[in-house]
């Protein structure tokens, strides 16, 4: 799958759970409007809202009594993770198909990610999620170790 579609789909789902979710929705709808009929644009906007409702329901169900949404109660954290993963996969695939049909949108999609979606994401541990694209080639008995963040290697 296209790494840009993965990054934008993940950022969209991350923004769904924030107070700025309508800004993320507007960015998505504006992108769709450039290449799709108006009826489909309305549909994707409505589906974004439905996805947000699913996400919030999962987060509220996974919260301990009196805790903030998303705080693990130890009971349904797997269900929350499953909903998040399903929503991310869905939006990533939609964006992948959009990019496949309209490769000229890649620049605009990158701009939406960098300028509109990433600033909406909560800072967790001082960092925001982003796209990491790594390429490596090893030959012979060479080894390649790559990580988007922490990496611990123990060779024996």
C-alpha atoms as a PDB file:
ATOM      1  CA  UNK A   1       0.000   0.000   0.000  1.00  0.00           C
ATOM      2  CA  UNK A   2       1.152   3.539  -0.696  1.00  0.00           C
ATOM      3  CA  UNK A   3       3.014   4.928   2.362  1.00  0.00           C
ATOM      4  CA  UNK A   4       1.346   8.317   1.900  1.00  0.00           C
ATOM      5  CA  UNK A   5      -2.118   6.721   2.002  1.00  0.00           C
ATOM      6  CA  UNK A   6      -1.108   4.847   5.152  1.00  0.00           C
ATOM      7  CA  UNK A   7       0.138   8.022   6.850  1.00  0.00           C
ATOM      8  CA  UNK A   8      -2.919  10.092   5.920  1.00  0.00           C
ATOM      9  CA  UNK A   9      -5.367   7.318   6.867  1.00  0.00           C
ATOM     10  CA  UNK A  10      -3.682   6.926  10.239  1.00  0.00           C
ATOM     11  CA  UNK A  11      -3.684  10.698  10.812  1.00  0.00           C
ATOM     12  CA  UNK A  12      -7.375  10.932   9.897  1.00  0.00           C
ATOM     13  CA  UNK A  13      -8.305   8.314  12.470  1.00  0.00           C
ATOM     14  CA  UNK A  14      -6.044   9.977  15.036  1.00  0.00           C
ATOM     15  CA  UNK A  15      -7.757  13.313  14.420  1.00  0.00           C
ATOM     16  CA  UNK A  16     -11.232  11.745  14.727  1.00  0.00           C
ATOM     17  CA  UNK A  17     -10.862  11.479  18.480  1.00  0.00           C
ATOM     18  CA  UNK A  18      -9.838  15.120  18.952  1.00  0.00           C
ATOM     19  CA  UNK A  19     -11.888  18.278  19.377  1.00  0.00           C
ATOM     20  CA  UNK A  20     -10.606  19.329  15.946  1.00  0.00           C
ATOM     21  CA  UNK A  21     -12.212  16.414  14.124  1.00  0.00           C
ATOM     22  CA  UNK A  22     -14.347  18.717  11.961  1.00  0.00           C
ATOM     23  CA  UNK A  23     -11.190  20.318  10.546  1.00  0.00           C
ATOM     24  CA  UNK A  24      -9.954  16.861   9.552  1.00  0.00           C
ATOM     25  CA  UNK A  25     -13.327  16.121   7.975  1.00  0.00           C
ATOM     26  CA  UNK A  26     -13.238  19.393   6.007  1.00  0.00           C
ATOM     27  CA  UNK A  27      -9.745  18.580   4.709  1.00  0.00           C
ATOM     28  CA  UNK A  28     -10.884  15.110   3.622  1.00  0.00           C
ATOM     29  CA  UNK A  29     -14.049  16.394   1.949  1.00  0.00           C
ATOM     30  CA  UNK A  30     -12.114  19.136   0.122  1.00  0.00           C
ATOM     31  CA  UNK A  31      -9.708  16.540  -1.238  1.00  0.00           C
ATOM     32  CA  UNK A  32     -12.536  14.270  -2.380  1.00  0.00           C
ATOM     33  CA  UNK A  33     -14.361  17.219  -3.956  1.00  0.00           C
ATOM     34  CA  UNK A  34     -11.446  17.800  -6.343  1.00  0.00           C
ATOM     35  CA  UNK A  35     -11.918  14.472  -8.129  1.00  0.00           C
ATOM     36  CA  UNK A  36     -15.285  12.960  -7.209  1.00  0.00           C
ATOM     37  CA  UNK A  37     -18.952  13.748  -7.896  1.00  0.00           C
ATOM     38  CA  UNK A  38     -20.734  15.787  -5.221  1.00  0.00           C
ATOM     39  CA  UNK A  39     -22.917  12.839  -4.129  1.00  0.00           C
ATOM     40  CA  UNK A  40     -19.814  10.793  -3.336  1.00  0.00           C
ATOM     41  CA  UNK A  41     -18.282  13.762  -1.508  1.00  0.00           C
ATOM     42  CA  UNK A  42     -21.339  13.968   0.747  1.00  0.00           C
ATOM     43  CA  UNK A  43     -21.143  10.220   1.349  1.00  0.00           C
ATOM     44  CA  UNK A  44     -17.476  10.276   2.361  1.00  0.00           C
ATOM     45  CA  UNK A  45     -18.174  13.145   4.758  1.00  0.00           C
ATOM     46  CA  UNK A  46     -21.046  11.228   6.344  1.00  0.00           C
ATOM     47  CA  UNK A  47     -18.941   8.056   6.578  1.00  0.00           C
ATOM     48  CA  UNK A  48     -16.191  10.010   8.326  1.00  0.00           C
ATOM     49  CA  UNK A  49     -18.763  11.121  10.907  1.00  0.00           C
ATOM     50  CA  UNK A  50     -20.004   7.547  11.357  1.00  0.00           C
ATOM     51  CA  UNK A  51     -16.432   6.317  11.778  1.00  0.00           C
ATOM     52  CA  UNK A  52     -15.869   8.957  14.450  1.00  0.00           C
ATOM     53  CA  UNK A  53     -18.984   7.771  16.286  1.00  0.00           C
ATOM     54  CA  UNK A  54     -17.663   4.178  16.230  1.00  0.00           C
ATOM     55  CA  UNK A  55     -14.265   5.306  17.489  1.00  0.00           C
ATOM     56  CA  UNK A  56     -15.688   7.385  20.332  1.00  0.00           C
ATOM     57  CA  UNK A  57     -17.996   4.546  21.371  1.00  0.00           C
ATOM     58  CA  UNK A  58     -15.015   2.177  21.490  1.00  0.00           C
ATOM     59  CA  UNK A  59     -12.924   4.667  23.451  1.00  0.00           C
ATOM     60  CA  UNK A  60     -15.702   5.303  25.960  1.00  0.00           C
ATOM     61  CA  UNK A  61     -16.276   1.574  26.356  1.00  0.00           C
ATOM     62  CA  UNK A  62     -12.570   1.049  27.012  1.00  0.00           C
ATOM     63  CA  UNK A  63     -12.329   3.675  29.737  1.00  0.00           C
ATOM     64  CA  UNK A  64     -12.106   2.915  33.412  1.00  0.00           C
ATOM     65  CA  UNK A  65     -14.912   4.462  35.499  1.00  0.00           C
ATOM     66  CA  UNK A  66     -14.202   8.168  35.918  1.00  0.00           C
ATOM     67  CA  UNK A  67     -11.180   8.012  33.592  1.00  0.00           C
ATOM     68  CA  UNK A  68     -10.682   9.975  30.431  1.00  0.00           C
ATOM     69  CA  UNK A  69     -11.805   8.274  27.201  1.00  0.00           C
ATOM     70  CA  UNK A  70      -9.173   5.900  25.899  1.00  0.00           C
ATOM     71  CA  UNK A  71      -7.736   5.030  29.312  1.00  0.00           C
ATOM     72  CA  UNK A  72      -7.359   1.261  29.395  1.00  0.00           C
ATOM     73  CA  UNK A  73      -9.635  -0.512  31.855  1.00  0.00           C
ATOM     74  CA  UNK A  74      -7.947  -3.828  31.188  1.00  0.00           C
ATOM     75  CA  UNK A  75     -11.218  -5.241  29.882  1.00  0.00           C
ATOM     76  CA  UNK A  76     -11.742  -3.979  26.362  1.00  0.00           C
ATOM     77  CA  UNK A  77      -8.407  -2.562  25.250  1.00  0.00           C
ATOM     78  CA  UNK A  78      -8.277  -5.221  22.542  1.00  0.00           C
ATOM     79  CA  UNK A  79     -11.657  -4.095  21.269  1.00  0.00           C
ATOM     80  CA  UNK A  80     -10.505  -0.463  21.175  1.00  0.00           C
ATOM     81  CA  UNK A  81      -7.349  -1.453  19.308  1.00  0.00           C
ATOM     82  CA  UNK A  82      -9.436  -3.512  16.914  1.00  0.00           C
ATOM     83  CA  UNK A  83     -11.747  -0.604  16.114  1.00  0.00           C
ATOM     84  CA  UNK A  84      -8.806   1.760  15.621  1.00  0.00           C
ATOM     85  CA  UNK A  85      -7.027  -0.742  13.372  1.00  0.00           C
ATOM     86  CA  UNK A  86     -10.175  -1.387  11.320  1.00  0.00           C
ATOM     87  CA  UNK A  87     -10.831   2.326  10.829  1.00  0.00           C
ATOM     88  CA  UNK A  88      -7.215   3.005   9.904  1.00  0.00           C
ATOM     89  CA  UNK A  89      -7.223   0.156   7.384  1.00  0.00           C
ATOM     90  CA  UNK A  90     -10.494   1.374   5.873  1.00  0.00           C
ATOM     91  CA  UNK A  91      -9.334   4.971   5.371  1.00  0.00           C
ATOM     92  CA  UNK A  92      -5.873   3.902   4.227  1.00  0.00           C
ATOM     93  CA  UNK A  93      -7.422   1.686   1.564  1.00  0.00           C
ATOM     94  CA  UNK A  94      -9.807   4.410   0.396  1.00  0.00           C
ATOM     95  CA  UNK A  95      -6.910   6.842   0.060  1.00  0.00           C
ATOM     96  CA  UNK A  96      -4.792   4.205  -1.671  1.00  0.00           C
ATOM     97  CA  UNK A  97      -7.517   3.728  -4.290  1.00  0.00           C
ATOM     98  CA  UNK A  98      -7.903   7.487  -4.678  1.00  0.00           C
ATOM     99  CA  UNK A  99      -4.162   7.868  -5.274  1.00  0.00           C
ATOM    100  CA  UNK A 100      -4.102   4.967  -7.689  1.00  0.00           C
ATOM    101  CA  UNK A 101      -6.856   6.583  -9.762  1.00  0.00           C
ATOM    102  CA  UNK A 102      -5.468  10.115  -9.378  1.00  0.00           C
ATOM    103  CA  UNK A 103      -1.690   9.997  -8.819  1.00  0.00           C
ATOM    104  CA  UNK A 104      -1.590  13.760  -9.400  1.00  0.00           C
ATOM    105  CA  UNK A 105      -3.209  14.173  -5.951  1.00  0.00           C
ATOM    106  CA  UNK A 106      -0.070  12.967  -4.150  1.00  0.00           C
ATOM    107  CA  UNK A 107       1.293  16.479  -3.667  1.00  0.00           C
ATOM    108  CA  UNK A 108      -2.012  17.776  -2.339  1.00  0.00           C
ATOM    109  CA  UNK A 109      -2.388  14.747  -0.069  1.00  0.00           C
ATOM    110  CA  UNK A 110       1.099  15.359   1.330  1.00  0.00           C
ATOM    111  CA  UNK A 111       0.179  19.013   1.929  1.00  0.00           C
ATOM    112  CA  UNK A 112      -3.048  17.999   3.706  1.00  0.00           C
ATOM    113  CA  UNK A 113      -1.074  15.621   5.924  1.00  0.00           C
ATOM    114  CA  UNK A 114       1.647  18.112   6.806  1.00  0.00           C
ATOM    115  CA  UNK A 115      -0.337  21.345   7.027  1.00  0.00           C
ATOM    116  CA  UNK A 116      -3.810  20.270   8.114  1.00  0.00           C
ATOM    117  CA  UNK A 117      -3.865  16.838   9.765  1.00  0.00           C
ATOM    118  CA  UNK A 118      -0.577  16.559  11.646  1.00  0.00           C
ATOM    119  CA  UNK A 119      -1.150  19.786  13.624  1.00  0.00           C
ATOM    120  CA  UNK A 120      -4.504  18.363  14.803  1.00  0.00           C
ATOM    121  CA  UNK A 121      -2.941  15.261  16.337  1.00  0.00           C
ATOM    122  CA  UNK A 122      -2.285  15.223  20.071  1.00  0.00           C
ATOM    123  CA  UNK A 123       1.332  15.304  21.089  1.00  0.00           C
ATOM    124  CA  UNK A 124       2.087  12.093  22.926  1.00  0.00           C
ATOM    125  CA  UNK A 125       5.446  11.988  24.572  1.00  0.00           C
ATOM    126  CA  UNK A 126       6.503  15.085  22.677  1.00  0.00           C
ATOM    127  CA  UNK A 127       6.299  13.479  19.261  1.00  0.00           C
ATOM    128  CA  UNK A 128       3.672  13.230  16.599  1.00  0.00           C
ATOM    129  CA  UNK A 129       3.132  10.337  14.276  1.00  0.00           C
ATOM    130  CA  UNK A 130       4.408  10.830  10.794  1.00  0.00           C
ATOM    131  CA  UNK A 131       5.500   9.036   7.728  1.00  0.00           C
ATOM    132  CA  UNK A 132       8.737   7.149   7.763  1.00  0.00           C
ATOM    133  CA  UNK A 133       9.859   5.710   4.463  1.00  0.00           C
ATOM    134  CA  UNK A 134      12.987   3.604   4.563  1.00  0.00           C
ATOM    135  CA  UNK A 135      14.694   1.720   1.813  1.00  0.00           C
ATOM    136  CA  UNK A 136      17.682  -0.516   2.180  1.00  0.00           C
ATOM    137  CA  UNK A 137      19.524  -3.105   0.206  1.00  0.00           C
ATOM    138  CA  UNK A 138      21.893  -5.669   1.603  1.00  0.00           C
ATOM    139  CA  UNK A 139      24.029  -7.994  -0.418  1.00  0.00           C
ATOM    140  CA  UNK A 140      26.140 -10.975   0.377  1.00  0.00           C
ATOM    141  CA  UNK A 141      26.029 -11.549   4.104  1.00  0.00           C
ATOM    142  CA  UNK A 142      25.205  -7.914   4.855  1.00  0.00           C
ATOM    143  CA  UNK A 143      22.494  -6.986   7.326  1.00  0.00           C
ATOM    144  CA  UNK A 144      20.033  -4.153   7.410  1.00  0.00           C
ATOM    145  CA  UNK A 145      18.463  -2.885  10.620  1.00  0.00           C
ATOM    146  CA  UNK A 146      15.858  -0.158  10.261  1.00  0.00           C
ATOM    147  CA  UNK A 147      13.391   1.372  12.653  1.00  0.00           C
ATOM    148  CA  UNK A 148      11.056   4.325  12.642  1.00  0.00           C
ATOM    149  CA  UNK A 149      11.813   4.840  16.290  1.00  0.00           C
ATOM    150  CA  UNK A 150      13.387   2.698  19.023  1.00  0.00           C
ATOM    151  CA  UNK A 151      15.227  -0.428  18.039  1.00  0.00           C
ATOM    152  CA  UNK A 152      16.906  -2.976  20.280  1.00  0.00           C
ATOM    153  CA  UNK A 153      19.006  -5.723  18.752  1.00  0.00           C
ATOM    154  CA  UNK A 154      20.638  -8.596  20.546  1.00  0.00           C
ATOM    155  CA  UNK A 155      22.736 -10.886  18.416  1.00  0.00           C
ATOM    156  CA  UNK A 156      24.066 -14.136  19.716  1.00  0.00           C
END
